[in-house]
Amino acid sequence: MSLATIAAASAVSRPPLLVPRFYRGNMCGVHVPQLPPIEGGPSDPTLVVSWIVFRYSASDRQRIYQVWRAKGFRDVLVSWPDARAAGLSIDAFVAHGAELLDSGFLPAVMLCSKDFDRPDVGAILDSAIPVLRALIDQNVIARASIGWELSLWLSPTQVQQLIDAICAVTVPAGIRTYVHFQQGYSSFQQPGGTFADFWNANVGKLTGVFHQKIHEQTKEQYRGDSGGLEDVLVRFAGGFHVSPDSGFGHPFDLIALEITAHQQFNGEFSEAQGDALALWALDTPGVDGPLGRVVVMGSGNG
């Protein structure tokens, strides 16, 4: 079935989604034999990049979904700016989300990108809010991220403006909402500000962070360096003046979203190596806080 056909059927009312805090997926690391090369894909055509999976035929998408299900994945990262740049309409993008749901997955939607959006808050919102409302209207969005690598192409003020505007739509709809920054970043405060300044300003707005590993870090550095997993867990547990409550009755969530995607895309890491680093991230020792133990709340790569 084509996405256009699914789009015609996607107006069927769907019940609200029950979305666990824990994230379980693989954005760029799963290999599926005999996939054809696709535009924008890796040199190894068997490697699946989740946010451009719409480029495959319906039968190839179903083969990908079968492999994802067999590996126990539930969350699928998709990207509105990548889909928009490829010519997908809002209806077709909503239909893609509907297909993922019908196949047993929960779509996590990136809303803007340095590759396809200008650093203009108004223009970004003019693109993001209509698709966000359409996804919410049809109950085909489980999680939202403000955008890809926000700290590389926007100012702290612009990022906060986007958070405020987007969370005004997502939070009332019960959509878990995250930020994604450049490698090793977990906050993006004003110059002279602190990690706590950023997160305390977003109590009742953000669910947490989609964290990105620094490529060159060893696995020990990934955990132990400043800005690494252990450091963020200490802060989300209430350390260094960070609110221990995200505003939703639990701490902010640290999701190890992007670990080896870049290296796997470039053929430098195998699927097994990606999986091993993801398990290392998930096994990071938890930190006790006022609302209980704070741990890495899932992985999106490996």
C-alpha atoms as a PDB file:
ATOM      1  CA  MET A   1       0.000   0.000   0.000  1.00  0.00           C
ATOM      2  CA  SER A   2       1.396   3.407  -0.932  1.00  0.00           C
ATOM      3  CA  LEU A   3       1.692   6.284   1.534  1.00  0.00           C
ATOM      4  CA  ALA A   4      -0.875   8.157  -0.557  1.00  0.00           C
ATOM      5  CA  THR A   5      -3.376   5.334  -0.006  1.00  0.00           C
ATOM      6  CA  ILE A   6      -2.606   5.250   3.703  1.00  0.00           C
ATOM      7  CA  ALA A   7      -3.037   9.026   3.841  1.00  0.00           C
ATOM      8  CA  ALA A   8      -6.577   8.675   2.531  1.00  0.00           C
ATOM      9  CA  ALA A   9      -7.374   6.261   5.341  1.00  0.00           C
ATOM     10  CA  SER A  10      -5.508   8.087   8.107  1.00  0.00           C
ATOM     11  CA  ALA A  11      -8.470  10.263   9.054  1.00  0.00           C
ATOM     12  CA  VAL A  12      -9.819   7.322  11.053  1.00  0.00           C
ATOM     13  CA  SER A  13      -9.866   8.317  14.703  1.00  0.00           C
ATOM     14  CA  ARG A  14      -7.176   6.602  16.773  1.00  0.00           C
ATOM     15  CA  PRO A  15      -7.143   6.240  20.552  1.00  0.00           C
ATOM     16  CA  PRO A  16      -4.572   8.235  22.547  1.00  0.00           C
ATOM     17  CA  LEU A  17      -1.187   6.526  22.687  1.00  0.00           C
ATOM     18  CA  LEU A  18       0.310   5.084  25.850  1.00  0.00           C
ATOM     19  CA  VAL A  19       3.983   6.030  25.614  1.00  0.00           C
ATOM     20  CA  PRO A  20       6.494   4.586  28.108  1.00  0.00           C
ATOM     21  CA  ARG A  21       9.254   6.836  29.379  1.00  0.00           C
ATOM     22  CA  PHE A  22      11.824   4.231  28.303  1.00  0.00           C
ATOM     23  CA  TYR A  23      12.954   4.518  24.663  1.00  0.00           C
ATOM     24  CA  ARG A  24      13.840   1.395  22.682  1.00  0.00           C
ATOM     25  CA  GLY A  25      14.886   1.764  19.051  1.00  0.00           C
ATOM     26  CA  ASN A  26      17.749   1.984  16.564  1.00  0.00           C
ATOM     27  CA  MET A  27      17.960   5.068  14.378  1.00  0.00           C
ATOM     28  CA  CYS A  28      20.910   3.910  12.256  1.00  0.00           C
ATOM     29  CA  GLY A  29      22.408   0.500  12.902  1.00  0.00           C
ATOM     30  CA  VAL A  30      20.155  -2.329  11.752  1.00  0.00           C
ATOM     31  CA  HIS A  31      21.035  -4.263   8.597  1.00  0.00           C
ATOM     32  CA  VAL A  32      18.373  -5.807   6.367  1.00  0.00           C
ATOM     33  CA  PRO A  33      19.619  -7.971   3.494  1.00  0.00           C
ATOM     34  CA  GLN A  34      18.881  -7.131  -0.140  1.00  0.00           C
ATOM     35  CA  LEU A  35      17.618  -3.598   0.339  1.00  0.00           C
ATOM     36  CA  PRO A  36      18.105  -1.365  -2.711  1.00  0.00           C
ATOM     37  CA  PRO A  37      20.214   1.812  -2.556  1.00  0.00           C
ATOM     38  CA  ILE A  38      18.128   4.904  -1.751  1.00  0.00           C
ATOM     39  CA  GLU A  39      18.726   8.619  -2.135  1.00  0.00           C
ATOM     40  CA  GLY A  40      20.526  10.019   0.889  1.00  0.00           C
ATOM     41  CA  GLY A  41      21.231   6.546   2.249  1.00  0.00           C
ATOM     42  CA  PRO A  42      24.544   5.002   3.332  1.00  0.00           C
ATOM     43  CA  SER A  43      26.995   3.382   0.939  1.00  0.00           C
ATOM     44  CA  ASP A  44      25.996   0.006   2.372  1.00  0.00           C
ATOM     45  CA  PRO A  45      22.376  -0.322   1.180  1.00  0.00           C
ATOM     46  CA  THR A  46      21.580  -2.956   3.813  1.00  0.00           C
ATOM     47  CA  LEU A  47      21.939  -0.364   6.601  1.00  0.00           C
ATOM     48  CA  VAL A  48      18.600   1.179   7.596  1.00  0.00           C
ATOM     49  CA  VAL A  49      18.375   4.882   8.505  1.00  0.00           C
ATOM     50  CA  SER A  50      15.051   5.207  10.279  1.00  0.00           C
ATOM     51  CA  TRP A  51      14.232   8.803   9.343  1.00  0.00           C
ATOM     52  CA  ILE A  52      14.365   8.119   5.581  1.00  0.00           C
ATOM     53  CA  VAL A  53      12.657   4.728   5.624  1.00  0.00           C
ATOM     54  CA  PHE A  54       9.721   6.263   3.720  1.00  0.00           C
ATOM     55  CA  ARG A  55      11.954   6.194   0.608  1.00  0.00           C
ATOM     56  CA  TYR A  56      11.655   2.404   0.350  1.00  0.00           C
ATOM     57  CA  SER A  57       8.872   0.542  -1.413  1.00  0.00           C
ATOM     58  CA  ALA A  58       5.954  -0.687   0.687  1.00  0.00           C
ATOM     59  CA  SER A  59       7.240  -4.271   0.560  1.00  0.00           C
ATOM     60  CA  ASP A  60      10.758  -3.245   1.610  1.00  0.00           C
ATOM     61  CA  ARG A  61       9.354  -1.153   4.465  1.00  0.00           C
ATOM     62  CA  GLN A  62       7.475  -4.187   5.720  1.00  0.00           C
ATOM     63  CA  ARG A  63      10.678  -6.250   5.641  1.00  0.00           C
ATOM     64  CA  ILE A  64      12.412  -3.541   7.674  1.00  0.00           C
ATOM     65  CA  TYR A  65       9.565  -3.466  10.175  1.00  0.00           C
ATOM     66  CA  GLN A  66       9.744  -7.236  10.546  1.00  0.00           C
ATOM     67  CA  VAL A  67      13.441  -7.045  11.446  1.00  0.00           C
ATOM     68  CA  TRP A  68      12.832  -4.188  13.897  1.00  0.00           C
ATOM     69  CA  ARG A  69      10.060  -6.167  15.615  1.00  0.00           C
ATOM     70  CA  ALA A  70      12.265  -9.260  15.833  1.00  0.00           C
ATOM     71  CA  LYS A  71      14.922  -7.184  17.605  1.00  0.00           C
ATOM     72  CA  GLY A  72      12.391  -5.870  20.108  1.00  0.00           C
ATOM     73  CA  PHE A  73      12.384  -2.252  18.955  1.00  0.00           C
ATOM     74  CA  ARG A  74       9.366  -0.072  19.641  1.00  0.00           C
ATOM     75  CA  ASP A  75      10.407   3.553  19.017  1.00  0.00           C
ATOM     76  CA  VAL A  76      11.196   4.871  15.531  1.00  0.00           C
ATOM     77  CA  LEU A  77      12.878   8.228  14.951  1.00  0.00           C
ATOM     78  CA  VAL A  78      11.415  10.115  11.977  1.00  0.00           C
ATOM     79  CA  SER A  79      12.155  13.609  10.708  1.00  0.00           C
ATOM     80  CA  TRP A  80       9.695  16.121   9.324  1.00  0.00           C
ATOM     81  CA  PRO A  81      12.397  18.315   7.690  1.00  0.00           C
ATOM     82  CA  ASP A  82      13.900  15.323   5.863  1.00  0.00           C
ATOM     83  CA  ALA A  83      10.462  14.162   4.733  1.00  0.00           C
ATOM     84  CA  ARG A  84       9.462  17.679   3.694  1.00  0.00           C
ATOM     85  CA  ALA A  85      12.682  18.090   1.694  1.00  0.00           C
ATOM     86  CA  ALA A  86      11.918  14.816  -0.095  1.00  0.00           C
ATOM     87  CA  GLY A  87       8.532  16.171  -1.164  1.00  0.00           C
ATOM     88  CA  LEU A  88       6.236  14.502   1.361  1.00  0.00           C
ATOM     89  CA  SER A  89       3.118  16.480   2.185  1.00  0.00           C
ATOM     90  CA  ILE A  90       1.796  16.805   5.710  1.00  0.00           C
ATOM     91  CA  ASP A  91      -0.859  14.195   4.866  1.00  0.00           C
ATOM     92  CA  ALA A  92       1.756  11.771   3.558  1.00  0.00           C
ATOM     93  CA  PHE A  93       3.935  12.301   6.635  1.00  0.00           C
ATOM     94  CA  VAL A  94       0.943  11.660   8.901  1.00  0.00           C
ATOM     95  CA  ALA A  95       0.258   8.535   6.842  1.00  0.00           C
ATOM     96  CA  HIS A  96       3.824   7.364   7.405  1.00  0.00           C
ATOM     97  CA  GLY A  97       3.259   7.739  11.143  1.00  0.00           C
ATOM     98  CA  ALA A  98       0.005   5.786  10.831  1.00  0.00           C
ATOM     99  CA  GLU A  99       1.805   2.987   9.010  1.00  0.00           C
ATOM    100  CA  LEU A 100       4.447   2.820  11.739  1.00  0.00           C
ATOM    101  CA  LEU A 101       1.762   2.634  14.419  1.00  0.00           C
ATOM    102  CA  ASP A 102      -0.131  -0.069  12.547  1.00  0.00           C
ATOM    103  CA  SER A 103       3.156  -1.975  12.299  1.00  0.00           C
ATOM    104  CA  GLY A 104       3.659  -1.873  16.058  1.00  0.00           C
ATOM    105  CA  PHE A 105       5.907   1.177  16.475  1.00  0.00           C
ATOM    106  CA  LEU A 106       5.781   4.568  18.186  1.00  0.00           C
ATOM    107  CA  PRO A 107       6.925   7.515  16.023  1.00  0.00           C
ATOM    108  CA  ALA A 108       9.337  10.017  17.572  1.00  0.00           C
ATOM    109  CA  VAL A 109       9.339  13.125  15.392  1.00  0.00           C
ATOM    110  CA  MET A 110      12.212  15.557  14.834  1.00  0.00           C
ATOM    111  CA  LEU A 111      10.642  18.900  13.936  1.00  0.00           C
ATOM    112  CA  CYS A 112      13.467  20.976  12.432  1.00  0.00           C
ATOM    113  CA  SER A 113      16.996  20.609  11.090  1.00  0.00           C
ATOM    114  CA  LYS A 114      20.033  22.707  10.266  1.00  0.00           C
ATOM    115  CA  ASP A 115      20.116  20.997   6.862  1.00  0.00           C
ATOM    116  CA  PHE A 116      16.638  22.065   5.756  1.00  0.00           C
ATOM    117  CA  ASP A 117      15.562  25.001   7.965  1.00  0.00           C
ATOM    118  CA  ARG A 118      16.802  28.571   8.289  1.00  0.00           C
ATOM    119  CA  PRO A 119      17.740  29.854  11.783  1.00  0.00           C
ATOM    120  CA  ASP A 120      14.500  31.803  11.909  1.00  0.00           C
ATOM    121  CA  VAL A 121      12.120  30.947  14.740  1.00  0.00           C
ATOM    122  CA  GLY A 122       9.026  32.188  12.934  1.00  0.00           C
ATOM    123  CA  ALA A 123       9.808  30.226   9.772  1.00  0.00           C
ATOM    124  CA  ILE A 124      10.573  27.070  11.763  1.00  0.00           C
ATOM    125  CA  LEU A 125       7.288  27.307  13.640  1.00  0.00           C
ATOM    126  CA  ASP A 126       5.378  27.986  10.412  1.00  0.00           C
ATOM    127  CA  SER A 127       6.636  24.601   9.220  1.00  0.00           C
ATOM    128  CA  ALA A 128       6.596  22.633  12.472  1.00  0.00           C
ATOM    129  CA  ILE A 129       3.304  23.624  14.097  1.00  0.00           C
ATOM    130  CA  PRO A 130       0.949  22.595  11.236  1.00  0.00           C
ATOM    131  CA  VAL A 131       2.514  19.135  10.909  1.00  0.00           C
ATOM    132  CA  LEU A 132       2.600  18.770  14.680  1.00  0.00           C
ATOM    133  CA  ARG A 133      -1.108  19.602  14.980  1.00  0.00           C
ATOM    134  CA  ALA A 134      -1.937  17.160  12.157  1.00  0.00           C
ATOM    135  CA  LEU A 135       0.025  14.375  13.859  1.00  0.00           C
ATOM    136  CA  ILE A 136      -1.669  15.090  17.181  1.00  0.00           C
ATOM    137  CA  ASP A 137      -5.126  15.288  15.602  1.00  0.00           C
ATOM    138  CA  GLN A 138      -4.684  11.767  14.233  1.00  0.00           C
ATOM    139  CA  ASN A 139      -2.876  10.419  17.343  1.00  0.00           C
ATOM    140  CA  VAL A 140       0.132   9.283  15.332  1.00  0.00           C
ATOM    141  CA  ILE A 141       2.929  10.922  17.333  1.00  0.00           C
ATOM    142  CA  ALA A 142       4.373   9.457  20.515  1.00  0.00           C
ATOM    143  CA  ARG A 143       7.323  11.772  21.121  1.00  0.00           C
ATOM    144  CA  ALA A 144       8.553  15.046  19.674  1.00  0.00           C
ATOM    145  CA  SER A 145      11.997  16.563  19.579  1.00  0.00           C
ATOM    146  CA  ILE A 146      12.298  20.299  19.021  1.00  0.00           C
ATOM    147  CA  GLY A 147      14.889  19.559  16.330  1.00  0.00           C
ATOM    148  CA  TRP A 148      18.234  18.087  15.352  1.00  0.00           C
ATOM    149  CA  GLU A 149      21.453  19.430  16.959  1.00  0.00           C
ATOM    150  CA  LEU A 150      19.832  22.682  17.991  1.00  0.00           C
ATOM    151  CA  SER A 151      22.988  24.117  19.572  1.00  0.00           C
ATOM    152  CA  LEU A 152      24.875  24.056  16.253  1.00  0.00           C
ATOM    153  CA  TRP A 153      22.675  26.485  14.346  1.00  0.00           C
ATOM    154  CA  LEU A 154      20.453  28.392  16.762  1.00  0.00           C
ATOM    155  CA  SER A 155      21.085  30.707  19.706  1.00  0.00           C
ATOM    156  CA  PRO A 156      20.019  29.824  23.265  1.00  0.00           C
ATOM    157  CA  THR A 157      17.270  32.437  22.982  1.00  0.00           C
ATOM    158  CA  GLN A 158      15.965  30.912  19.756  1.00  0.00           C
ATOM    159  CA  VAL A 159      16.026  27.420  21.224  1.00  0.00           C
ATOM    160  CA  GLN A 160      14.022  28.573  24.230  1.00  0.00           C
ATOM    161  CA  GLN A 161      11.515  30.348  21.993  1.00  0.00           C
ATOM    162  CA  LEU A 162      11.012  27.117  20.040  1.00  0.00           C
ATOM    163  CA  ILE A 163      10.661  25.085  23.226  1.00  0.00           C
ATOM    164  CA  ASP A 164       8.050  27.484  24.599  1.00  0.00           C
ATOM    165  CA  ALA A 165       5.990  27.517  21.391  1.00  0.00           C
ATOM    166  CA  ILE A 166       6.204  23.802  20.617  1.00  0.00           C
ATOM    167  CA  CYS A 167       5.617  22.641  24.187  1.00  0.00           C
ATOM    168  CA  ALA A 168       2.516  24.839  24.306  1.00  0.00           C
ATOM    169  CA  VAL A 169       1.138  22.407  21.709  1.00  0.00           C
ATOM    170  CA  THR A 170       2.691  19.109  22.780  1.00  0.00           C
ATOM    171  CA  VAL A 171       2.305  19.221  26.569  1.00  0.00           C
ATOM    172  CA  PRO A 172      -1.511  19.660  26.619  1.00  0.00           C
ATOM    173  CA  ALA A 173      -1.693  16.767  24.138  1.00  0.00           C
ATOM    174  CA  GLY A 174       0.404  14.520  26.393  1.00  0.00           C
ATOM    175  CA  ILE A 175       3.307  14.288  23.933  1.00  0.00           C
ATOM    176  CA  ARG A 176       6.679  13.621  25.539  1.00  0.00           C
ATOM    177  CA  THR A 177       8.998  16.350  24.245  1.00  0.00           C
ATOM    178  CA  TYR A 178      12.809  16.420  24.084  1.00  0.00           C
ATOM    179  CA  VAL A 179      15.784  18.450  22.933  1.00  0.00           C
ATOM    180  CA  HIS A 180      18.722  17.171  20.871  1.00  0.00           C
ATOM    181  CA  PHE A 181      22.018  19.036  20.847  1.00  0.00           C
ATOM    182  CA  GLN A 182      25.483  18.615  19.361  1.00  0.00           C
ATOM    183  CA  GLN A 183      27.857  15.926  20.585  1.00  0.00           C
ATOM    184  CA  GLY A 184      28.301  15.929  24.364  1.00  0.00           C
ATOM    185  CA  TYR A 185      25.762  18.710  25.044  1.00  0.00           C
ATOM    186  CA  SER A 186      22.840  18.200  27.409  1.00  0.00           C
ATOM    187  CA  SER A 187      21.807  21.813  27.935  1.00  0.00           C
ATOM    188  CA  PHE A 188      21.991  25.089  26.023  1.00  0.00           C
ATOM    189  CA  GLN A 189      21.800  27.974  28.438  1.00  0.00           C
ATOM    190  CA  GLN A 190      22.565  31.641  27.898  1.00  0.00           C
ATOM    191  CA  PRO A 191      26.258  32.652  28.096  1.00  0.00           C
ATOM    192  CA  GLY A 192      27.254  32.643  31.751  1.00  0.00           C
ATOM    193  CA  GLY A 193      24.277  30.483  32.664  1.00  0.00           C
ATOM    194  CA  THR A 194      24.285  26.974  34.078  1.00  0.00           C
ATOM    195  CA  PHE A 195      22.885  23.557  33.254  1.00  0.00           C
ATOM    196  CA  ALA A 196      20.352  24.159  36.032  1.00  0.00           C
ATOM    197  CA  ASP A 197      19.292  27.475  34.506  1.00  0.00           C
ATOM    198  CA  PHE A 198      18.337  25.727  31.275  1.00  0.00           C
ATOM    199  CA  TRP A 199      16.480  22.771  32.761  1.00  0.00           C
ATOM    200  CA  ASN A 200      14.736  24.657  35.561  1.00  0.00           C
ATOM    201  CA  ALA A 201      13.307  27.019  32.942  1.00  0.00           C
ATOM    202  CA  ASN A 202      11.808  23.987  31.221  1.00  0.00           C
ATOM    203  CA  VAL A 203      10.049  22.289  34.116  1.00  0.00           C
ATOM    204  CA  GLY A 204       6.591  21.335  32.908  1.00  0.00           C
ATOM    205  CA  LYS A 205       7.725  21.588  29.279  1.00  0.00           C
ATOM    206  CA  LEU A 206      10.498  19.160  28.374  1.00  0.00           C
ATOM    207  CA  THR A 207      10.483  15.449  29.211  1.00  0.00           C
ATOM    208  CA  GLY A 208      14.236  15.194  28.751  1.00  0.00           C
ATOM    209  CA  VAL A 209      17.197  15.124  26.382  1.00  0.00           C
ATOM    210  CA  PHE A 210      18.055  12.983  23.366  1.00  0.00           C
ATOM    211  CA  HIS A 211      21.780  12.788  24.138  1.00  0.00           C
ATOM    212  CA  GLN A 212      24.497  12.479  21.469  1.00  0.00           C
ATOM    213  CA  LYS A 213      27.859  10.840  22.217  1.00  0.00           C
ATOM    214  CA  ILE A 214      31.097  12.566  21.206  1.00  0.00           C
ATOM    215  CA  HIS A 215      32.479  10.400  18.405  1.00  0.00           C
ATOM    216  CA  GLU A 216      36.044  10.256  19.684  1.00  0.00           C
ATOM    217  CA  GLN A 217      35.182   9.305  23.271  1.00  0.00           C
ATOM    218  CA  THR A 218      36.106   5.922  24.641  1.00  0.00           C
ATOM    219  CA  LYS A 219      33.261   4.113  26.340  1.00  0.00           C
ATOM    220  CA  GLU A 220      34.709   5.092  29.730  1.00  0.00           C
ATOM    221  CA  GLN A 221      34.826   8.757  28.690  1.00  0.00           C
ATOM    222  CA  TYR A 222      31.264   8.506  27.383  1.00  0.00           C
ATOM    223  CA  ARG A 223      30.170   7.698  30.907  1.00  0.00           C
ATOM    224  CA  GLY A 224      32.627   9.665  32.993  1.00  0.00           C
ATOM    225  CA  ASP A 225      33.570  12.883  31.188  1.00  0.00           C
ATOM    226  CA  SER A 226      31.978  16.245  31.946  1.00  0.00           C
ATOM    227  CA  GLY A 227      28.713  16.217  30.034  1.00  0.00           C
ATOM    228  CA  GLY A 228      28.789  12.430  29.925  1.00  0.00           C
ATOM    229  CA  LEU A 229      26.086  10.065  31.056  1.00  0.00           C
ATOM    230  CA  GLU A 230      27.051   9.925  34.734  1.00  0.00           C
ATOM    231  CA  ASP A 231      27.323  13.707  34.942  1.00  0.00           C
ATOM    232  CA  VAL A 232      23.849  14.220  33.464  1.00  0.00           C
ATOM    233  CA  LEU A 233      22.281  11.587  35.727  1.00  0.00           C
ATOM    234  CA  VAL A 234      23.691  13.323  38.823  1.00  0.00           C
ATOM    235  CA  ARG A 235      22.142  16.598  37.698  1.00  0.00           C
ATOM    236  CA  PHE A 236      18.781  15.093  36.716  1.00  0.00           C
ATOM    237  CA  ALA A 237      18.675  13.454  40.149  1.00  0.00           C
ATOM    238  CA  GLY A 238      18.674  16.950  41.663  1.00  0.00           C
ATOM    239  CA  GLY A 239      22.377  17.708  41.809  1.00  0.00           C
ATOM    240  CA  PHE A 240      23.888  21.121  41.081  1.00  0.00           C
ATOM    241  CA  HIS A 241      20.578  22.891  41.763  1.00  0.00           C
ATOM    242  CA  VAL A 242      18.623  21.130  38.993  1.00  0.00           C
ATOM    243  CA  SER A 243      14.965  20.463  39.754  1.00  0.00           C
ATOM    244  CA  PRO A 244      14.580  16.750  40.567  1.00  0.00           C
ATOM    245  CA  ASP A 245      11.036  16.902  39.157  1.00  0.00           C
ATOM    246  CA  SER A 246      10.570  17.599  35.451  1.00  0.00           C
ATOM    247  CA  GLY A 247       7.098  18.867  36.220  1.00  0.00           C
ATOM    248  CA  PHE A 248       5.565  15.530  35.248  1.00  0.00           C
ATOM    249  CA  GLY A 249       6.094  13.677  38.533  1.00  0.00           C
ATOM    250  CA  HIS A 250       9.458  12.196  37.550  1.00  0.00           C
ATOM    251  CA  PRO A 251      12.995  13.470  36.851  1.00  0.00           C
ATOM    252  CA  PHE A 252      14.062  14.698  33.436  1.00  0.00           C
ATOM    253  CA  ASP A 253      14.917  11.719  31.242  1.00  0.00           C
ATOM    254  CA  LEU A 254      18.330  11.063  29.730  1.00  0.00           C
ATOM    255  CA  ILE A 255      17.942   8.975  26.569  1.00  0.00           C
ATOM    256  CA  ALA A 256      21.162   7.811  24.904  1.00  0.00           C
ATOM    257  CA  LEU A 257      19.708   8.437  21.479  1.00  0.00           C
ATOM    258  CA  GLU A 258      22.720   8.860  19.204  1.00  0.00           C
ATOM    259  CA  ILE A 259      25.751   6.760  20.039  1.00  0.00           C
ATOM    260  CA  THR A 260      27.401   5.281  16.930  1.00  0.00           C
ATOM    261  CA  ALA A 261      25.018   6.340  14.147  1.00  0.00           C
ATOM    262  CA  HIS A 262      27.650   8.467  12.391  1.00  0.00           C
ATOM    263  CA  GLN A 263      30.262   5.704  12.451  1.00  0.00           C
ATOM    264  CA  GLN A 264      27.761   3.068  11.353  1.00  0.00           C
ATOM    265  CA  PHE A 265      26.518   5.264   8.501  1.00  0.00           C
ATOM    266  CA  ASN A 266      30.134   5.651   7.334  1.00  0.00           C
ATOM    267  CA  GLY A 267      30.857   1.928   7.647  1.00  0.00           C
ATOM    268  CA  GLU A 268      33.328   2.389  10.516  1.00  0.00           C
ATOM    269  CA  PHE A 269      31.315   0.454  13.137  1.00  0.00           C
ATOM    270  CA  SER A 270      29.424  -2.813  12.856  1.00  0.00           C
ATOM    271  CA  GLU A 271      25.929  -3.423  14.170  1.00  0.00           C
ATOM    272  CA  ALA A 272      27.413  -5.544  16.973  1.00  0.00           C
ATOM    273  CA  GLN A 273      29.760  -2.725  18.021  1.00  0.00           C
ATOM    274  CA  GLY A 274      26.858  -0.290  18.085  1.00  0.00           C
ATOM    275  CA  ASP A 275      24.783  -2.671  20.164  1.00  0.00           C
ATOM    276  CA  ALA A 276      27.639  -3.155  22.646  1.00  0.00           C
ATOM    277  CA  LEU A 277      28.025   0.594  23.208  1.00  0.00           C
ATOM    278  CA  ALA A 278      24.268   0.977  23.616  1.00  0.00           C
ATOM    279  CA  LEU A 279      24.280  -1.706  26.314  1.00  0.00           C
ATOM    280  CA  TRP A 280      27.213   0.070  27.974  1.00  0.00           C
ATOM    281  CA  ALA A 281      25.162   3.270  28.040  1.00  0.00           C
ATOM    282  CA  LEU A 282      22.116   1.502  29.461  1.00  0.00           C
ATOM    283  CA  ASP A 283      24.237  -0.143  32.163  1.00  0.00           C
ATOM    284  CA  THR A 284      25.517   3.217  33.447  1.00  0.00           C
ATOM    285  CA  PRO A 285      25.053   3.129  37.255  1.00  0.00           C
ATOM    286  CA  GLY A 286      21.970   4.971  38.415  1.00  0.00           C
ATOM    287  CA  VAL A 287      21.935   7.923  40.807  1.00  0.00           C
ATOM    288  CA  ASP A 288      19.517   8.197  43.724  1.00  0.00           C
ATOM    289  CA  GLY A 289      17.458  11.362  43.975  1.00  0.00           C
ATOM    290  CA  PRO A 290      14.338  12.627  45.785  1.00  0.00           C
ATOM    291  CA  LEU A 291      12.061  10.875  43.264  1.00  0.00           C
ATOM    292  CA  GLY A 292      13.996   7.625  43.202  1.00  0.00           C
ATOM    293  CA  ARG A 293      16.845   6.239  41.163  1.00  0.00           C
ATOM    294  CA  VAL A 294      17.649   8.094  37.934  1.00  0.00           C
ATOM    295  CA  VAL A 295      18.976   5.898  35.126  1.00  0.00           C
ATOM    296  CA  VAL A 296      19.559   6.098  31.379  1.00  0.00           C
ATOM    297  CA  MET A 297      16.034   5.831  30.006  1.00  0.00           C
ATOM    298  CA  GLY A 298      16.702   3.966  26.805  1.00  0.00           C
ATOM    299  CA  SER A 299      18.801   3.961  23.671  1.00  0.00           C
ATOM    300  CA  GLY A 300      18.102   4.989  20.105  1.00  0.00           C
ATOM    301  CA  ASN A 301      21.197   3.596  18.406  1.00  0.00           C
ATOM    302  CA  GLY A 302      22.231   0.015  18.978  1.00  0.00           C
END
